[in-house]
Amino acid sequence: MSEKMIFCLGDGRWESTGEGYQKNLRIFNKGVTEEVYEKVKNALDVRNFKLPVAKWIDIKEIDKPTTTQKQCGGYLKVLNYQDAWKEMWSGMYTDDKTFIKNIPNFSAEIFEKITSIKVEDEVSLKGKKVSVELDGKKYTATIDEIIS
């Protein structure tokens, strides 16, 4: 069994075959060098992405709350793998999302099969010139950092 795989997936739902199944030095089902693998792994470790295991559901979000849910003001929902990814992804900075999309061999198809997140190209304002009028004065600026 290989442990040097990042974002890899075997063929089919129940099959244990294919490029993404127990092969060494793979990222998104494609071979990479040891150096590339270690660089990506270390970068992922530094970013310290953590999938949440649960999420608080407030009473306001529940159609027909139980007595216990009413008393507690909600409930703690255990998240499955895909829901955990969606929760993490929705709270990620644009920079972190871009980092994942720039991992060598990135495959939106494989990423979606693993996480159930459909990655679409997001419009980036970085490097764009913008004009603003404030108190009757016109200003032009180039966006060099986006904080989301």
N, C-alpha and C. Protein backbone atom coordinates (compact mmCIF):
# COMPACT_ATOMS: atom_id res chain seq x y z
N MET A 1 0.83 -1.17 0.00
CA MET A 1 0.00 0.00 0.00
C MET A 1 0.89 1.25 0.00
N SER A 2 0.47 2.26 -0.75
CA SER A 2 1.23 3.49 -0.83
C SER A 2 0.65 4.55 0.10
N GLU A 3 1.49 5.35 0.64
CA GLU A 3 1.03 6.47 1.44
C GLU A 3 1.44 7.78 0.81
N LYS A 4 2.02 7.73 -0.35
CA LYS A 4 2.49 8.95 -1.00
C LYS A 4 1.57 9.33 -2.15
N MET A 5 0.33 9.66 -1.76
CA MET A 5 -0.68 10.06 -2.73
C MET A 5 -1.46 11.24 -2.16
N ILE A 6 -1.74 12.22 -3.00
CA ILE A 6 -2.52 13.39 -2.59
C ILE A 6 -3.64 13.58 -3.60
N PHE A 7 -4.87 13.68 -3.11
CA PHE A 7 -6.05 13.85 -3.96
C PHE A 7 -6.08 12.81 -5.08
N CYS A 8 -6.04 11.56 -4.72
CA CYS A 8 -6.10 10.48 -5.70
C CYS A 8 -7.35 9.64 -5.49
N LEU A 9 -7.81 9.03 -6.58
CA LEU A 9 -9.05 8.29 -6.58
C LEU A 9 -8.92 7.10 -7.52
N GLY A 10 -9.33 5.93 -7.05
CA GLY A 10 -9.32 4.74 -7.90
C GLY A 10 -10.44 4.78 -8.92
N ASP A 11 -10.44 3.83 -9.83
CA ASP A 11 -11.49 3.74 -10.86
C ASP A 11 -12.78 3.25 -10.24
N GLY A 12 -13.87 3.84 -10.62
CA GLY A 12 -15.17 3.37 -10.18
C GLY A 12 -15.39 3.53 -8.69
N ARG A 13 -16.63 3.39 -8.27
CA ARG A 13 -16.97 3.57 -6.87
C ARG A 13 -16.49 2.42 -6.00
N TRP A 14 -16.57 1.21 -6.49
CA TRP A 14 -16.24 0.05 -5.66
C TRP A 14 -15.01 -0.71 -6.15
N GLU A 15 -14.34 -0.17 -7.17
CA GLU A 15 -13.19 -0.88 -7.72
C GLU A 15 -11.89 -0.39 -7.08
N SER A 16 -10.99 -1.31 -6.87
CA SER A 16 -9.69 -0.98 -6.29
C SER A 16 -8.63 -1.06 -7.38
N THR A 17 -8.81 -0.26 -8.41
CA THR A 17 -7.89 -0.26 -9.54
C THR A 17 -7.69 1.16 -10.04
N GLY A 18 -6.79 1.34 -10.98
CA GLY A 18 -6.61 2.62 -11.66
C GLY A 18 -5.41 3.39 -11.19
N GLU A 19 -5.21 4.53 -11.87
CA GLU A 19 -4.05 5.37 -11.60
C GLU A 19 -4.03 5.95 -10.19
N GLY A 20 -5.21 6.11 -9.59
CA GLY A 20 -5.27 6.72 -8.27
C GLY A 20 -5.39 5.72 -7.15
N TYR A 21 -5.08 4.46 -7.41
CA TYR A 21 -5.23 3.45 -6.37
C TYR A 21 -3.90 2.82 -6.03
N GLN A 22 -3.42 3.02 -4.83
CA GLN A 22 -2.21 2.41 -4.27
C GLN A 22 -1.02 2.43 -5.21
N LYS A 23 -0.74 3.60 -5.72
CA LYS A 23 0.48 3.79 -6.49
C LYS A 23 1.28 4.88 -5.81
N ASN A 24 2.57 4.80 -5.93
CA ASN A 24 3.45 5.70 -5.22
C ASN A 24 3.65 7.01 -5.99
N LEU A 25 3.81 8.10 -5.25
CA LEU A 25 4.12 9.42 -5.78
C LEU A 25 3.12 9.88 -6.83
N ARG A 26 1.89 10.09 -6.38
CA ARG A 26 0.80 10.53 -7.25
C ARG A 26 0.12 11.76 -6.63
N ILE A 27 -0.22 12.69 -7.49
CA ILE A 27 -1.05 13.83 -7.11
C ILE A 27 -2.12 13.94 -8.19
N PHE A 28 -3.38 13.93 -7.78
CA PHE A 28 -4.50 13.92 -8.72
C PHE A 28 -4.32 12.84 -9.78
N ASN A 29 -3.97 11.65 -9.32
CA ASN A 29 -3.86 10.44 -10.15
C ASN A 29 -2.73 10.47 -11.17
N LYS A 30 -1.83 11.42 -11.10
CA LYS A 30 -0.72 11.48 -12.05
C LYS A 30 0.60 11.43 -11.29
N GLY A 31 1.57 10.79 -11.89
CA GLY A 31 2.87 10.64 -11.26
C GLY A 31 3.61 11.96 -11.10
N VAL A 32 4.32 12.07 -10.00
CA VAL A 32 5.17 13.23 -9.73
C VAL A 32 6.49 12.74 -9.15
N THR A 33 7.47 13.60 -9.12
CA THR A 33 8.74 13.25 -8.50
C THR A 33 8.61 13.31 -6.99
N GLU A 34 9.54 12.69 -6.31
CA GLU A 34 9.57 12.74 -4.84
C GLU A 34 9.65 14.19 -4.38
N GLU A 35 10.44 14.99 -5.07
CA GLU A 35 10.61 16.39 -4.70
C GLU A 35 9.29 17.17 -4.80
N VAL A 36 8.56 16.97 -5.89
CA VAL A 36 7.27 17.66 -6.06
C VAL A 36 6.27 17.18 -5.01
N TYR A 37 6.22 15.88 -4.80
CA TYR A 37 5.32 15.33 -3.79
C TYR A 37 5.59 15.95 -2.42
N GLU A 38 6.85 15.97 -1.99
CA GLU A 38 7.22 16.50 -0.68
C GLU A 38 6.92 18.00 -0.58
N LYS A 39 7.15 18.73 -1.66
CA LYS A 39 6.88 20.17 -1.67
C LYS A 39 5.38 20.43 -1.46
N VAL A 40 4.53 19.69 -2.17
CA VAL A 40 3.08 19.87 -2.03
C VAL A 40 2.62 19.42 -0.65
N LYS A 41 3.10 18.28 -0.20
CA LYS A 41 2.71 17.76 1.12
C LYS A 41 3.09 18.75 2.21
N ASN A 42 4.31 19.28 2.15
CA ASN A 42 4.75 20.24 3.17
C ASN A 42 3.93 21.53 3.11
N ALA A 43 3.61 21.98 1.91
CA ALA A 43 2.80 23.20 1.77
C ALA A 43 1.40 22.98 2.34
N LEU A 44 0.84 21.79 2.12
CA LEU A 44 -0.47 21.47 2.69
C LEU A 44 -0.39 21.41 4.22
N ASP A 45 0.69 20.83 4.74
CA ASP A 45 0.89 20.75 6.19
C ASP A 45 0.99 22.13 6.81
N VAL A 46 1.70 23.05 6.14
CA VAL A 46 1.88 24.40 6.66
C VAL A 46 0.54 25.13 6.71
N ARG A 47 -0.27 24.94 5.70
CA ARG A 47 -1.59 25.61 5.66
C ARG A 47 -2.54 25.02 6.69
N ASN A 48 -2.28 23.80 7.11
CA ASN A 48 -3.00 23.19 8.23
C ASN A 48 -4.52 23.17 8.03
N PHE A 49 -4.95 22.73 6.85
CA PHE A 49 -6.38 22.61 6.59
C PHE A 49 -6.98 21.57 7.53
N LYS A 50 -8.09 21.90 8.14
CA LYS A 50 -8.76 20.98 9.07
C LYS A 50 -10.21 20.81 8.65
N LEU A 51 -10.60 19.58 8.36
CA LEU A 51 -12.00 19.32 8.05
C LEU A 51 -12.80 19.31 9.35
N PRO A 52 -13.89 20.07 9.40
CA PRO A 52 -14.71 20.05 10.61
C PRO A 52 -15.49 18.75 10.70
N VAL A 53 -15.64 18.23 11.89
CA VAL A 53 -16.39 16.98 12.08
C VAL A 53 -17.85 17.24 12.40
N ALA A 54 -18.15 18.47 12.84
CA ALA A 54 -19.53 18.80 13.21
C ALA A 54 -19.78 20.29 12.99
N LYS A 55 -21.07 20.63 12.96
CA LYS A 55 -21.48 22.02 12.76
C LYS A 55 -22.71 22.29 13.61
N TRP A 56 -22.73 23.44 14.29
CA TRP A 56 -23.89 23.80 15.09
C TRP A 56 -25.00 24.29 14.16
N ILE A 57 -26.18 23.70 14.30
CA ILE A 57 -27.36 24.11 13.55
C ILE A 57 -28.27 24.87 14.51
N ASP A 58 -28.42 26.16 14.26
CA ASP A 58 -29.23 27.01 15.14
C ASP A 58 -30.71 26.68 14.99
N ILE A 59 -31.44 26.89 16.05
CA ILE A 59 -32.87 26.60 16.10
C ILE A 59 -33.63 27.29 14.96
N LYS A 60 -33.17 28.47 14.57
CA LYS A 60 -33.82 29.23 13.49
C LYS A 60 -33.73 28.51 12.14
N GLU A 61 -32.76 27.61 12.00
CA GLU A 61 -32.55 26.90 10.74
C GLU A 61 -33.32 25.57 10.67
N ILE A 62 -34.03 25.22 11.74
CA ILE A 62 -34.72 23.93 11.82
C ILE A 62 -36.21 24.12 11.57
N ASP A 63 -36.75 23.41 10.58
CA ASP A 63 -38.17 23.54 10.24
C ASP A 63 -39.08 23.07 11.38
N LYS A 64 -38.85 21.85 11.84
CA LYS A 64 -39.68 21.28 12.91
C LYS A 64 -38.77 20.78 14.03
N PRO A 65 -38.34 21.70 14.91
CA PRO A 65 -37.41 21.30 15.96
C PRO A 65 -38.06 20.38 17.00
N THR A 66 -37.26 19.47 17.51
CA THR A 66 -37.71 18.60 18.59
C THR A 66 -37.69 19.39 19.90
N THR A 67 -38.24 18.81 20.92
CA THR A 67 -38.25 19.46 22.24
C THR A 67 -36.82 19.72 22.72
N THR A 68 -35.95 18.73 22.55
CA THR A 68 -34.55 18.87 22.97
C THR A 68 -33.86 19.98 22.18
N GLN A 69 -34.11 20.03 20.87
CA GLN A 69 -33.51 21.07 20.04
C GLN A 69 -33.99 22.46 20.48
N LYS A 70 -35.25 22.56 20.84
CA LYS A 70 -35.80 23.83 21.33
C LYS A 70 -35.11 24.23 22.63
N GLN A 71 -34.93 23.26 23.53
CA GLN A 71 -34.31 23.55 24.83
C GLN A 71 -32.85 23.97 24.66
N CYS A 72 -32.17 23.36 23.70
CA CYS A 72 -30.75 23.64 23.49
C CYS A 72 -30.51 24.82 22.55
N GLY A 73 -31.54 25.22 21.84
CA GLY A 73 -31.38 26.30 20.87
C GLY A 73 -30.83 25.82 19.55
N GLY A 74 -30.84 24.50 19.33
CA GLY A 74 -30.32 23.92 18.10
C GLY A 74 -29.75 22.55 18.38
N TYR A 75 -28.86 22.11 17.48
CA TYR A 75 -28.20 20.82 17.70
C TYR A 75 -26.88 20.76 16.96
N LEU A 76 -26.05 19.83 17.36
CA LEU A 76 -24.75 19.64 16.74
C LEU A 76 -24.89 18.55 15.68
N LYS A 77 -24.68 18.93 14.42
CA LYS A 77 -24.83 17.99 13.30
C LYS A 77 -23.46 17.40 12.96
N VAL A 78 -23.38 16.08 12.95
CA VAL A 78 -22.15 15.40 12.54
C VAL A 78 -22.09 15.47 11.02
N LEU A 79 -20.96 15.90 10.49
CA LEU A 79 -20.80 16.08 9.04
C LEU A 79 -20.18 14.86 8.40
N ASN A 80 -20.70 14.47 7.24
CA ASN A 80 -20.03 13.43 6.46
C ASN A 80 -18.84 14.09 5.74
N TYR A 81 -18.05 13.29 5.06
CA TYR A 81 -16.82 13.78 4.43
C TYR A 81 -17.08 14.93 3.46
N GLN A 82 -18.05 14.75 2.56
CA GLN A 82 -18.33 15.78 1.56
C GLN A 82 -18.87 17.06 2.22
N ASP A 83 -19.75 16.91 3.20
CA ASP A 83 -20.28 18.10 3.88
C ASP A 83 -19.18 18.82 4.66
N ALA A 84 -18.26 18.07 5.21
CA ALA A 84 -17.13 18.68 5.92
C ALA A 84 -16.29 19.51 4.95
N TRP A 85 -16.04 18.96 3.76
CA TRP A 85 -15.30 19.71 2.75
C TRP A 85 -16.04 20.97 2.34
N LYS A 86 -17.35 20.86 2.12
CA LYS A 86 -18.14 22.05 1.74
C LYS A 86 -18.07 23.12 2.82
N GLU A 87 -18.16 22.71 4.06
CA GLU A 87 -18.08 23.64 5.19
C GLU A 87 -16.72 24.32 5.23
N MET A 88 -15.65 23.54 5.08
CA MET A 88 -14.31 24.11 5.10
C MET A 88 -14.11 25.05 3.91
N TRP A 89 -14.52 24.59 2.72
CA TRP A 89 -14.33 25.36 1.49
C TRP A 89 -15.05 26.71 1.57
N SER A 90 -16.26 26.71 2.11
CA SER A 90 -17.04 27.95 2.18
C SER A 90 -16.38 28.98 3.11
N GLY A 91 -15.58 28.52 4.06
CA GLY A 91 -14.91 29.43 4.98
C GLY A 91 -13.47 29.75 4.60
N MET A 92 -12.99 29.18 3.50
CA MET A 92 -11.60 29.40 3.09
C MET A 92 -11.39 30.76 2.45
N TYR A 93 -10.21 31.31 2.67
CA TYR A 93 -9.80 32.51 1.95
C TYR A 93 -9.58 32.15 0.49
N THR A 94 -9.76 33.13 -0.38
CA THR A 94 -9.55 32.95 -1.81
C THR A 94 -8.14 32.44 -2.08
N ASP A 95 -7.19 32.92 -1.30
CA ASP A 95 -5.79 32.52 -1.44
C ASP A 95 -5.61 31.01 -1.24
N ASP A 96 -6.30 30.45 -0.25
CA ASP A 96 -6.20 29.02 0.02
C ASP A 96 -6.86 28.21 -1.09
N LYS A 97 -7.99 28.70 -1.60
CA LYS A 97 -8.65 28.01 -2.71
C LYS A 97 -7.76 28.02 -3.95
N THR A 98 -7.13 29.16 -4.20
CA THR A 98 -6.22 29.27 -5.34
C THR A 98 -5.04 28.33 -5.16
N PHE A 99 -4.53 28.22 -3.94
CA PHE A 99 -3.43 27.30 -3.66
C PHE A 99 -3.80 25.88 -4.08
N ILE A 100 -4.99 25.42 -3.68
CA ILE A 100 -5.42 24.07 -4.02
C ILE A 100 -5.55 23.90 -5.53
N LYS A 101 -6.13 24.91 -6.19
CA LYS A 101 -6.31 24.83 -7.64
C LYS A 101 -4.98 24.88 -8.39
N ASN A 102 -3.92 25.35 -7.72
CA ASN A 102 -2.60 25.42 -8.35
C ASN A 102 -1.69 24.25 -7.99
N ILE A 103 -2.22 23.26 -7.26
CA ILE A 103 -1.42 22.07 -6.96
C ILE A 103 -1.11 21.38 -8.29
N PRO A 104 0.12 20.89 -8.48
CA PRO A 104 0.45 20.22 -9.73
C PRO A 104 -0.55 19.12 -10.08
N ASN A 105 -0.90 19.03 -11.35
CA ASN A 105 -1.83 18.03 -11.90
C ASN A 105 -3.27 18.25 -11.44
N PHE A 106 -3.60 19.44 -10.92
CA PHE A 106 -4.95 19.68 -10.41
C PHE A 106 -5.99 19.23 -11.44
N SER A 107 -6.97 18.50 -10.95
CA SER A 107 -8.08 18.05 -11.78
C SER A 107 -9.38 18.41 -11.08
N ALA A 108 -10.14 19.33 -11.70
CA ALA A 108 -11.42 19.74 -11.11
C ALA A 108 -12.35 18.54 -11.01
N GLU A 109 -12.26 17.62 -11.96
CA GLU A 109 -13.12 16.44 -11.96
C GLU A 109 -12.82 15.53 -10.77
N ILE A 110 -11.55 15.23 -10.54
CA ILE A 110 -11.16 14.38 -9.41
C ILE A 110 -11.47 15.09 -8.09
N PHE A 111 -11.17 16.39 -8.02
CA PHE A 111 -11.46 17.15 -6.81
C PHE A 111 -12.94 17.09 -6.48
N GLU A 112 -13.79 17.22 -7.50
CA GLU A 112 -15.23 17.16 -7.26
C GLU A 112 -15.68 15.77 -6.82
N LYS A 113 -15.09 14.72 -7.42
CA LYS A 113 -15.46 13.35 -7.01
C LYS A 113 -15.08 13.08 -5.56
N ILE A 114 -13.96 13.63 -5.12
CA ILE A 114 -13.50 13.41 -3.75
C ILE A 114 -14.27 14.27 -2.75
N THR A 115 -14.48 15.54 -3.08
CA THR A 115 -15.02 16.50 -2.11
C THR A 115 -16.48 16.89 -2.35
N SER A 116 -16.98 16.61 -3.54
CA SER A 116 -18.31 17.03 -4.03
C SER A 116 -18.37 18.55 -4.24
N ILE A 117 -17.22 19.19 -4.36
CA ILE A 117 -17.16 20.63 -4.62
C ILE A 117 -16.83 20.85 -6.08
N LYS A 118 -17.71 21.56 -6.76
CA LYS A 118 -17.46 21.91 -8.15
C LYS A 118 -16.65 23.20 -8.17
N VAL A 119 -15.42 23.10 -8.62
CA VAL A 119 -14.53 24.25 -8.63
C VAL A 119 -14.73 25.01 -9.93
N GLU A 120 -15.12 26.24 -9.77
CA GLU A 120 -15.29 27.10 -10.94
C GLU A 120 -14.27 28.22 -10.83
N ASP A 121 -13.87 28.70 -11.98
CA ASP A 121 -12.92 29.81 -11.97
C ASP A 121 -13.58 31.02 -11.34
N GLU A 122 -12.93 31.53 -10.33
CA GLU A 122 -13.44 32.71 -9.65
C GLU A 122 -12.80 33.94 -10.26
N VAL A 123 -13.58 34.98 -10.37
CA VAL A 123 -13.08 36.22 -10.92
C VAL A 123 -12.14 36.84 -9.90
N SER A 124 -10.94 37.17 -10.34
CA SER A 124 -9.98 37.78 -9.43
C SER A 124 -9.80 39.25 -9.79
N LEU A 125 -9.83 40.09 -8.79
CA LEU A 125 -9.60 41.51 -9.00
C LEU A 125 -8.14 41.89 -8.83
N LYS A 126 -7.33 40.92 -8.39
CA LYS A 126 -5.93 41.20 -8.13
C LYS A 126 -5.25 41.67 -9.43
N GLY A 127 -4.55 42.80 -9.33
CA GLY A 127 -3.85 43.36 -10.49
C GLY A 127 -4.73 44.26 -11.35
N LYS A 128 -6.00 44.36 -11.04
CA LYS A 128 -6.93 45.19 -11.83
C LYS A 128 -6.89 46.62 -11.34
N LYS A 129 -7.11 47.55 -12.28
CA LYS A 129 -7.21 48.97 -11.93
C LYS A 129 -8.67 49.29 -11.66
N VAL A 130 -8.89 50.03 -10.61
CA VAL A 130 -10.24 50.45 -10.25
C VAL A 130 -10.27 51.96 -10.06
N SER A 131 -11.41 52.54 -10.37
CA SER A 131 -11.60 53.97 -10.17
C SER A 131 -12.71 54.16 -9.16
N VAL A 132 -12.48 55.11 -8.27
CA VAL A 132 -13.44 55.38 -7.22
C VAL A 132 -13.61 56.90 -7.11
N GLU A 133 -14.83 57.33 -6.89
CA GLU A 133 -15.06 58.75 -6.62
C GLU A 133 -15.49 58.87 -5.17
N LEU A 134 -14.77 59.70 -4.43
CA LEU A 134 -15.04 59.86 -3.00
C LEU A 134 -15.01 61.35 -2.67
N ASP A 135 -16.09 61.83 -2.13
CA ASP A 135 -16.22 63.24 -1.78
C ASP A 135 -15.88 64.15 -2.96
N GLY A 136 -16.33 63.77 -4.13
CA GLY A 136 -16.14 64.59 -5.32
C GLY A 136 -14.77 64.46 -5.97
N LYS A 137 -13.88 63.69 -5.40
CA LYS A 137 -12.54 63.50 -5.98
C LYS A 137 -12.46 62.11 -6.59
N LYS A 138 -11.76 61.98 -7.73
CA LYS A 138 -11.61 60.70 -8.40
C LYS A 138 -10.24 60.10 -8.09
N TYR A 139 -10.25 58.81 -7.78
CA TYR A 139 -9.02 58.09 -7.44
C TYR A 139 -8.93 56.85 -8.32
N THR A 140 -7.71 56.48 -8.69
CA THR A 140 -7.46 55.24 -9.41
C THR A 140 -6.43 54.46 -8.62
N ALA A 141 -6.69 53.16 -8.49
CA ALA A 141 -5.77 52.31 -7.73
C ALA A 141 -5.67 50.95 -8.41
N THR A 142 -4.57 50.27 -8.17
CA THR A 142 -4.39 48.90 -8.63
C THR A 142 -4.49 47.99 -7.41
N ILE A 143 -5.32 46.98 -7.52
CA ILE A 143 -5.54 46.07 -6.40
C ILE A 143 -4.37 45.08 -6.34
N ASP A 144 -3.68 45.07 -5.19
CA ASP A 144 -2.56 44.13 -5.07
C ASP A 144 -2.80 43.08 -4.00
N GLU A 145 -3.82 43.25 -3.18
CA GLU A 145 -4.13 42.26 -2.16
C GLU A 145 -5.64 42.20 -1.96
N ILE A 146 -6.16 40.99 -1.90
CA ILE A 146 -7.59 40.82 -1.67
C ILE A 146 -7.76 40.05 -0.39
N ILE A 147 -8.54 40.59 0.50
CA ILE A 147 -8.83 39.92 1.77
C ILE A 147 -10.29 39.54 1.74
N SER A 148 -10.55 38.25 1.84
CA SER A 148 -11.95 37.83 1.80
C SER A 148 -12.31 37.06 3.04
